[in-house]
Structures are given as C-alpha cells and as structure tokens.
C-alpha cells in the first residue's frame, strides 16, 4: 500500500474513532453519573489532537530537501513524538492529581454512584482502543514512523485508562467508591511509563545517537563482502529522525586506478542503500591498502 494512503488512513481512523468514542463516553458519563467516565472522555478527546500532531509530523518529515534543509525534514517526526510524549505525561499527571485529591479528601460520600451504562461503555472503549492500538502499531512499523508509534501507544493508554474507569465504576457500584481514584493512580503509572519511553526514543533520535554495535556489525559485514573491498577501516552510524546516516572508510588495493576505486565505492554506496531501507545516506571514504589512515 502507498505510504501516503497508509498515513491518511491511520489519521482518519484515529481522529474519527476518538471523536466518536469521546462523544459516547461523555454522554455515558453525564447520564450515568460517572466522573471517571467523563475524565475518560476528555482523555479520548486528547487523542484527536495527538493523532493530528502525528499526521502533521509524518507529512512534514516527508517533504523533499530544500536550500534551507539539504538533509531533509526527517526530524519533524521526532518533534511530533516529543509533543505526543508530553501530552501523555501531562494526561498521566492530571489523572494522578484527580485520584490523589479524591483519596486524601477522605470524604467518599460525595461521590455519585454511577449506573451500569458507563460500565458497558468502558468495556466498549477497552475493546475499541486496543483494536485501534493494534491497527496503528502494525502500520506504524511498516512506515517506520515514531510519531504514529507514539500515537498507537496513546491509543493503548486510553484503553488502560478505560480499564481503570471500569474497575472504579464497578467498585463504586459494589459499594467501594475509593476504588475509582485508586485505579486511576495505577493507570497513571502505565501512562507515565509509555510517555517516558516515547520521549527517551525521540530525544535519542534527535541527538545523532549511534545505531548500536550490532547494527554496525551487520553493515560492516555486508560491505566487506562486496567486490573490491579488502576491509572496513572505520564505520560510524547515527540516527537522523527515523532514518540512518552512515560514514565508512573502506580499504581497496593500492595499485588500482582512481576510476576503479570510485566504481567500488559507488557500488558499495548503492548496495547498502538498497539493502538497508532505513539508511538514507552513506558517505564512503576510500583508503589504499597499506596506507596509515
């Protein structure tokens, strides 16, 4: 499937699905007298904003290089992922604050006992959001998109939030209203963990972090198998957004012509970029055999 069609479809599913769920949750929360469900509706509404940011980040990252950005715009995805991570973190803090406020107030008599309607809607939300997570994460990995991976985890955080709402509402119906704010605190920990992982990955990709020893060993072994390459003298890699840049020094026979050395380097360049889809560009320097590089 065309990448642009995948991006459009993911954005439509995320935005339309969250708007519909938010409306249903808000209705169930108000009619069913459930503050937890109303909070969950607000959480779902934040997903609409999150999906829009992911869509914007992916579209901007795919812009062609220009005079001001000769290396492209890949880091826009990292910026989008950072924004999504912050949204998740603030959502988690908000849920924790609300739960702690209710627990430390000590007065649970003021909490309304909800009806079964929000309990049913919580189950619908859990199933729907988990399905949206699986759908989004599947295509996010195909695209290699950090922004849509972050958006997928945002869907799952909403499913976790709905589980908390379900437990809280169920506990309140059974006569244990304190269970609602306690469940919210547990869900907050899940959300904060996801937010931390998303932010860590996004900042790592923004800081030109190495792709790791195993990844570099794989590329090194591939290059050393190419015709005309005696060995790899030096290899460095770095993340650039969701793409990889590689700098390598190869050793060739010293008695070949400059044109032959150029042809070897050009062949290695093309084969690496063809065989490693995430490699956006590889810079190759040629060392003659026996040279102290």
Protein backbone atom coordinates (compact mmCIF):
# COMPACT_ATOMS: atom_id res chain seq x y z
CA UNK A 1 0.00 0.00 0.00
CA UNK A 2 1.16 3.51 -0.82
CA UNK A 3 2.76 5.15 2.30
CA UNK A 4 0.69 8.31 1.83
CA UNK A 5 -2.52 6.25 1.78
CA UNK A 6 -1.45 4.49 4.99
CA UNK A 7 -0.78 7.85 6.68
CA UNK A 8 -4.19 9.19 5.59
CA UNK A 9 -5.97 6.02 6.71
CA UNK A 10 -4.26 5.96 10.12
CA UNK A 11 -5.12 9.61 10.65
CA UNK A 12 -8.77 9.06 9.67
CA UNK A 13 -9.15 6.02 11.95
CA UNK A 14 -7.50 7.86 14.86
CA UNK A 15 -9.41 11.12 14.54
CA UNK A 16 -12.85 9.71 13.64
CA UNK A 17 -12.60 6.86 16.17
CA UNK A 18 -11.61 9.15 19.03
CA UNK A 19 -14.26 11.77 18.28
CA UNK A 20 -16.94 9.06 18.25
CA UNK A 21 -15.64 7.45 21.45
CA UNK A 22 -15.35 10.82 23.20
CA UNK A 23 -18.98 11.65 22.40
CA UNK A 24 -20.22 8.24 23.62
CA UNK A 25 -18.14 8.41 26.81
CA UNK A 26 -19.24 11.96 27.59
CA UNK A 27 -22.90 11.01 27.15
CA UNK A 28 -22.49 7.87 29.31
CA UNK A 29 -20.57 9.81 31.96
CA UNK A 30 -23.18 12.56 32.29
CA UNK A 31 -26.27 10.35 32.05
CA UNK A 32 -24.72 7.54 34.09
CA UNK A 33 -23.36 9.91 36.80
CA UNK A 34 -19.75 8.80 36.42
CA UNK A 35 -16.97 11.32 36.91
CA UNK A 36 -14.43 8.66 35.86
CA UNK A 37 -16.16 8.24 32.51
CA UNK A 38 -16.25 12.00 31.93
CA UNK A 39 -12.49 12.12 32.61
CA UNK A 40 -12.01 9.20 30.25
CA UNK A 41 -13.94 11.12 27.58
CA UNK A 42 -11.54 14.05 27.96
CA UNK A 43 -8.60 11.63 27.63
CA UNK A 44 -10.06 10.27 24.37
CA UNK A 45 -10.52 13.80 23.09
CA UNK A 46 -6.82 14.45 23.69
CA UNK A 47 -6.14 11.53 21.32
CA UNK A 48 -7.74 13.51 18.48
CA UNK A 49 -5.14 16.23 19.00
CA UNK A 50 -2.40 13.59 19.31
CA UNK A 51 -3.33 11.90 16.02
CA UNK A 52 -3.41 15.25 14.26
CA UNK A 53 0.11 16.02 15.53
CA UNK A 54 1.34 12.59 14.39
CA UNK A 55 -0.19 13.16 10.94
CA UNK A 56 1.37 16.61 10.69
CA UNK A 57 4.77 15.31 11.83
CA UNK A 58 4.82 12.49 9.27
CA UNK A 59 3.70 14.73 6.40
CA UNK A 60 6.31 17.39 7.22
CA UNK A 61 9.08 14.78 7.60
CA UNK A 62 8.39 13.53 4.06
CA UNK A 63 8.98 16.92 2.47
CA UNK A 64 11.79 16.92 -0.07
CA UNK A 65 15.13 18.54 0.85
CA UNK A 66 15.40 22.25 0.07
CA UNK A 67 18.02 25.01 0.22
CA UNK A 68 17.48 25.56 3.95
CA UNK A 69 17.19 21.84 4.77
CA UNK A 70 19.55 19.98 2.42
CA UNK A 71 19.40 16.84 4.61
CA UNK A 72 15.60 16.70 4.53
CA UNK A 73 12.97 17.11 7.24
CA UNK A 74 13.05 13.69 8.95
CA UNK A 75 13.40 15.17 12.44
CA UNK A 76 9.88 16.59 12.27
CA UNK A 77 8.72 13.10 13.28
CA UNK A 78 10.88 13.27 16.39
CA UNK A 79 9.38 16.66 17.27
CA UNK A 80 5.87 15.20 16.83
CA UNK A 81 6.78 12.19 19.02
CA UNK A 82 8.13 14.53 21.75
CA UNK A 83 4.89 16.53 21.71
CA UNK A 84 2.84 13.31 21.93
CA UNK A 85 5.01 12.06 24.79
CA UNK A 86 4.45 15.32 26.67
CA UNK A 87 0.68 15.07 26.08
CA UNK A 88 0.75 11.57 27.57
CA UNK A 89 2.83 12.75 30.53
CA UNK A 90 0.50 15.66 31.30
CA UNK A 91 -2.52 13.35 30.92
CA UNK A 92 -0.96 10.98 33.45
CA UNK A 93 -0.23 13.82 35.88
CA UNK A 94 -3.82 15.04 35.53
CA UNK A 95 -5.24 11.59 36.27
CA UNK A 96 -2.90 11.18 39.26
CA UNK A 97 -3.82 14.61 40.67
CA UNK A 98 -7.53 13.86 40.37
CA UNK A 99 -7.14 10.45 42.03
CA UNK A 100 -4.96 11.71 44.89
CA UNK A 101 -7.31 14.63 45.55
CA UNK A 102 -10.25 12.23 45.99
CA UNK A 103 -8.25 9.82 48.17
CA UNK A 104 -6.84 12.48 50.52
CA UNK A 105 -10.19 14.24 50.85
CA UNK A 106 -11.37 11.17 52.80
CA UNK A 107 -15.00 12.00 52.02
CA UNK A 108 -16.31 9.40 49.59
CA UNK A 109 -19.96 10.06 50.39
CA UNK A 110 -20.00 12.94 47.90
CA UNK A 111 -19.05 10.64 45.03
CA UNK A 112 -22.15 9.75 42.99
CA UNK A 113 -22.86 6.06 42.48
CA UNK A 114 -22.82 5.50 38.72
CA UNK A 115 -25.30 3.42 36.73
CA UNK A 116 -24.35 0.41 34.58
CA UNK A 117 -24.32 2.47 31.36
CA UNK A 118 -20.76 3.86 31.85
CA UNK A 119 -19.63 0.35 32.87
CA UNK A 120 -20.81 -1.01 29.49
CA UNK A 121 -19.25 1.91 27.61
CA UNK A 122 -15.94 1.31 29.43
CA UNK A 123 -15.87 -2.27 28.04
CA UNK A 124 -16.67 -0.99 24.53
CA UNK A 125 -13.87 1.58 24.88
CA UNK A 126 -11.31 -1.01 26.05
CA UNK A 127 -12.01 -3.30 23.09
CA UNK A 128 -12.15 -0.46 20.55
CA UNK A 129 -8.98 1.30 21.72
CA UNK A 130 -6.99 -1.96 21.88
CA UNK A 131 -8.08 -2.66 18.28
CA UNK A 132 -7.01 0.86 17.28
CA UNK A 133 -3.65 0.31 19.01
CA UNK A 134 -3.00 -2.95 17.13
CA UNK A 135 -4.06 -1.45 13.80
CA UNK A 136 -1.93 1.69 14.25
CA UNK A 137 1.19 -0.06 15.59
CA UNK A 138 1.10 -2.55 12.69
CA UNK A 139 1.20 0.16 10.03
CA UNK A 140 3.46 2.46 12.09
CA UNK A 141 6.15 -0.24 12.00
CA UNK A 142 5.66 -0.68 8.26
CA UNK A 143 6.16 3.06 7.81
CA UNK A 144 8.98 3.19 10.36
CA UNK A 145 7.12 6.11 11.94
CA UNK A 146 7.99 7.13 15.51
CA UNK A 147 5.11 9.62 15.53
CA UNK A 148 2.47 7.01 14.68
CA UNK A 149 4.07 4.51 17.07
CA UNK A 150 3.64 7.16 19.78
CA UNK A 151 0.06 7.66 18.62
CA UNK A 152 -0.53 3.90 18.85
CA UNK A 153 0.68 3.87 22.44
CA UNK A 154 -1.62 6.81 23.09
CA UNK A 155 -4.49 4.54 21.98
CA UNK A 156 -3.34 1.84 24.38
CA UNK A 157 -3.00 4.35 27.22
CA UNK A 158 -6.65 5.24 26.60
CA UNK A 159 -7.55 1.54 26.78
CA UNK A 160 -5.68 1.32 30.11
CA UNK A 161 -7.49 4.44 31.26
CA UNK A 162 -10.80 2.77 30.38
CA UNK A 163 -9.78 -0.32 32.37
CA UNK A 164 -9.22 1.98 35.34
CA UNK A 165 -12.61 3.56 34.75
CA UNK A 166 -14.21 0.10 34.55
CA UNK A 167 -12.65 -1.01 37.85
CA UNK A 168 -13.53 2.27 39.54
CA UNK A 169 -17.10 2.31 38.28
CA UNK A 170 -17.56 -1.38 39.15
CA UNK A 171 -16.16 -0.81 42.63
CA UNK A 172 -18.42 2.21 43.19
CA UNK A 173 -21.47 0.20 42.11
CA UNK A 174 -20.49 -2.57 44.55
CA UNK A 175 -20.18 -0.02 47.37
CA UNK A 176 -16.43 0.77 47.30
CA UNK A 177 -16.15 4.27 45.84
CA UNK A 178 -12.46 4.59 46.86
CA UNK A 179 -11.59 2.01 44.17
CA UNK A 180 -12.15 4.56 41.41
CA UNK A 181 -9.37 7.01 42.41
CA UNK A 182 -7.05 4.13 43.39
CA UNK A 183 -7.44 2.52 39.98
CA UNK A 184 -6.70 5.89 38.40
CA UNK A 185 -3.31 6.00 40.15
CA UNK A 186 -2.36 2.55 38.82
CA UNK A 187 -3.34 3.57 35.29
CA UNK A 188 -1.30 6.77 35.69
CA UNK A 189 1.86 4.65 36.22
CA UNK A 190 1.24 2.81 32.93
CA UNK A 191 0.71 6.07 31.07
CA UNK A 192 3.82 7.70 32.55
CA UNK A 193 5.96 4.66 31.62
CA UNK A 194 4.79 4.86 27.99
CA UNK A 195 5.38 8.64 27.95
CA UNK A 196 8.92 8.15 29.28
CA UNK A 197 9.75 5.50 26.64
CA UNK A 198 8.41 7.68 23.80
CA UNK A 199 10.33 10.76 24.97
CA UNK A 200 13.53 8.76 25.52
CA UNK A 201 13.40 7.31 21.99
CA UNK A 202 12.56 10.67 20.38
CA UNK A 203 15.38 12.53 22.16
CA UNK A 204 17.80 9.72 21.29
CA UNK A 205 16.97 10.14 17.59
CA UNK A 206 17.31 13.91 17.85
CA UNK A 207 20.80 13.67 19.38
CA UNK A 208 22.52 11.79 16.50
CA UNK A 209 22.81 8.69 18.70
CA UNK A 210 24.70 5.69 17.32
CA UNK A 211 22.53 2.90 15.91
CA UNK A 212 24.38 0.41 18.11
CA UNK A 213 27.17 -2.14 17.82
CA UNK A 214 25.01 -4.95 16.41
CA UNK A 215 23.57 -2.76 13.66
CA UNK A 216 27.03 -1.50 12.70
CA UNK A 217 28.43 -5.07 12.69
CA UNK A 218 25.68 -6.06 10.26
CA UNK A 219 26.50 -3.22 7.84
CA UNK A 220 30.26 -3.80 8.21
CA UNK A 221 29.90 -7.50 7.35
CA UNK A 222 27.72 -6.61 4.35
CA UNK A 223 30.25 -4.07 3.00
CA UNK A 224 33.23 -6.40 3.45
CA UNK A 225 31.51 -8.96 1.21
CA UNK A 226 31.33 -6.51 -1.70
CA UNK A 227 33.67 -6.97 -4.65
CA UNK A 228 36.86 -4.91 -4.43
CA UNK A 229 36.58 -4.18 -0.69
CA UNK A 230 39.52 -5.59 1.29
CA UNK A 231 38.21 -4.49 4.68
CA UNK A 232 36.33 -1.76 6.50
CA UNK A 233 38.72 0.54 8.37
CA UNK A 234 36.09 2.70 10.08
CA UNK A 235 32.31 2.73 10.37
CA UNK A 236 30.08 5.14 12.27
CA UNK A 237 26.30 5.39 12.21
CA UNK A 238 23.78 7.84 13.61
CA UNK A 239 20.05 8.30 13.75
CA UNK A 240 18.63 11.26 11.86
CA UNK A 241 14.96 11.28 12.81
CA UNK A 242 13.73 7.84 11.73
CA UNK A 243 16.48 7.43 9.16
CA UNK A 244 20.13 6.39 9.48
CA UNK A 245 23.27 8.09 8.20
CA UNK A 246 26.48 6.06 7.86
CA UNK A 247 30.11 7.19 7.48
CA UNK A 248 32.54 4.48 6.39
CA UNK A 249 36.15 4.12 5.31
CA UNK A 250 36.89 1.14 3.05
CA UNK A 251 40.28 -0.25 2.10
CA UNK A 252 40.97 -1.19 -1.56
CA UNK A 253 44.04 -2.37 -3.45
CA UNK A 254 46.61 0.39 -3.85
CA UNK A 255 47.52 -0.49 -7.47
CA UNK A 256 44.09 0.17 -9.00
CA UNK A 257 43.12 3.38 -10.78
CA UNK A 258 41.16 6.23 -9.24
CA UNK A 259 38.26 5.38 -11.52
CA UNK A 260 38.23 1.75 -10.30
CA UNK A 261 38.35 2.88 -6.66
CA UNK A 262 35.47 5.27 -7.37
CA UNK A 263 33.42 2.49 -9.00
CA UNK A 264 33.92 0.23 -5.96
CA UNK A 265 32.81 2.99 -3.59
CA UNK A 266 29.81 3.82 -5.78
CA UNK A 267 28.76 0.14 -5.92
CA UNK A 268 29.00 -0.16 -2.12
CA UNK A 269 27.02 3.07 -1.72
CA UNK A 270 24.15 1.85 -3.92
CA UNK A 271 24.01 -1.68 -2.48
CA UNK A 272 23.92 -0.50 1.14
CA UNK A 273 21.10 1.98 0.48
CA UNK A 274 19.18 -0.68 -1.47
CA UNK A 275 19.66 -3.43 1.14
CA UNK A 276 19.13 -1.32 4.30
CA UNK A 277 15.85 0.58 3.88
CA UNK A 278 16.42 2.79 6.93
CA UNK A 279 19.78 4.05 5.61
CA UNK A 280 19.08 7.39 3.98
CA UNK A 281 22.67 8.12 3.03
CA UNK A 282 26.12 6.55 3.35
CA UNK A 283 29.31 8.56 2.93
CA UNK A 284 32.27 6.46 1.77
CA UNK A 285 35.96 7.33 2.02
CA UNK A 286 38.48 5.13 0.19
CA UNK A 287 41.84 4.16 1.73
CA UNK A 288 44.56 2.50 -0.37
CA UNK A 289 45.94 -0.77 1.04
CA UNK A 290 48.93 -0.24 3.32
CA UNK A 291 48.05 3.41 4.00
CA UNK A 292 48.17 4.60 7.61
CA UNK A 293 44.68 6.16 7.64
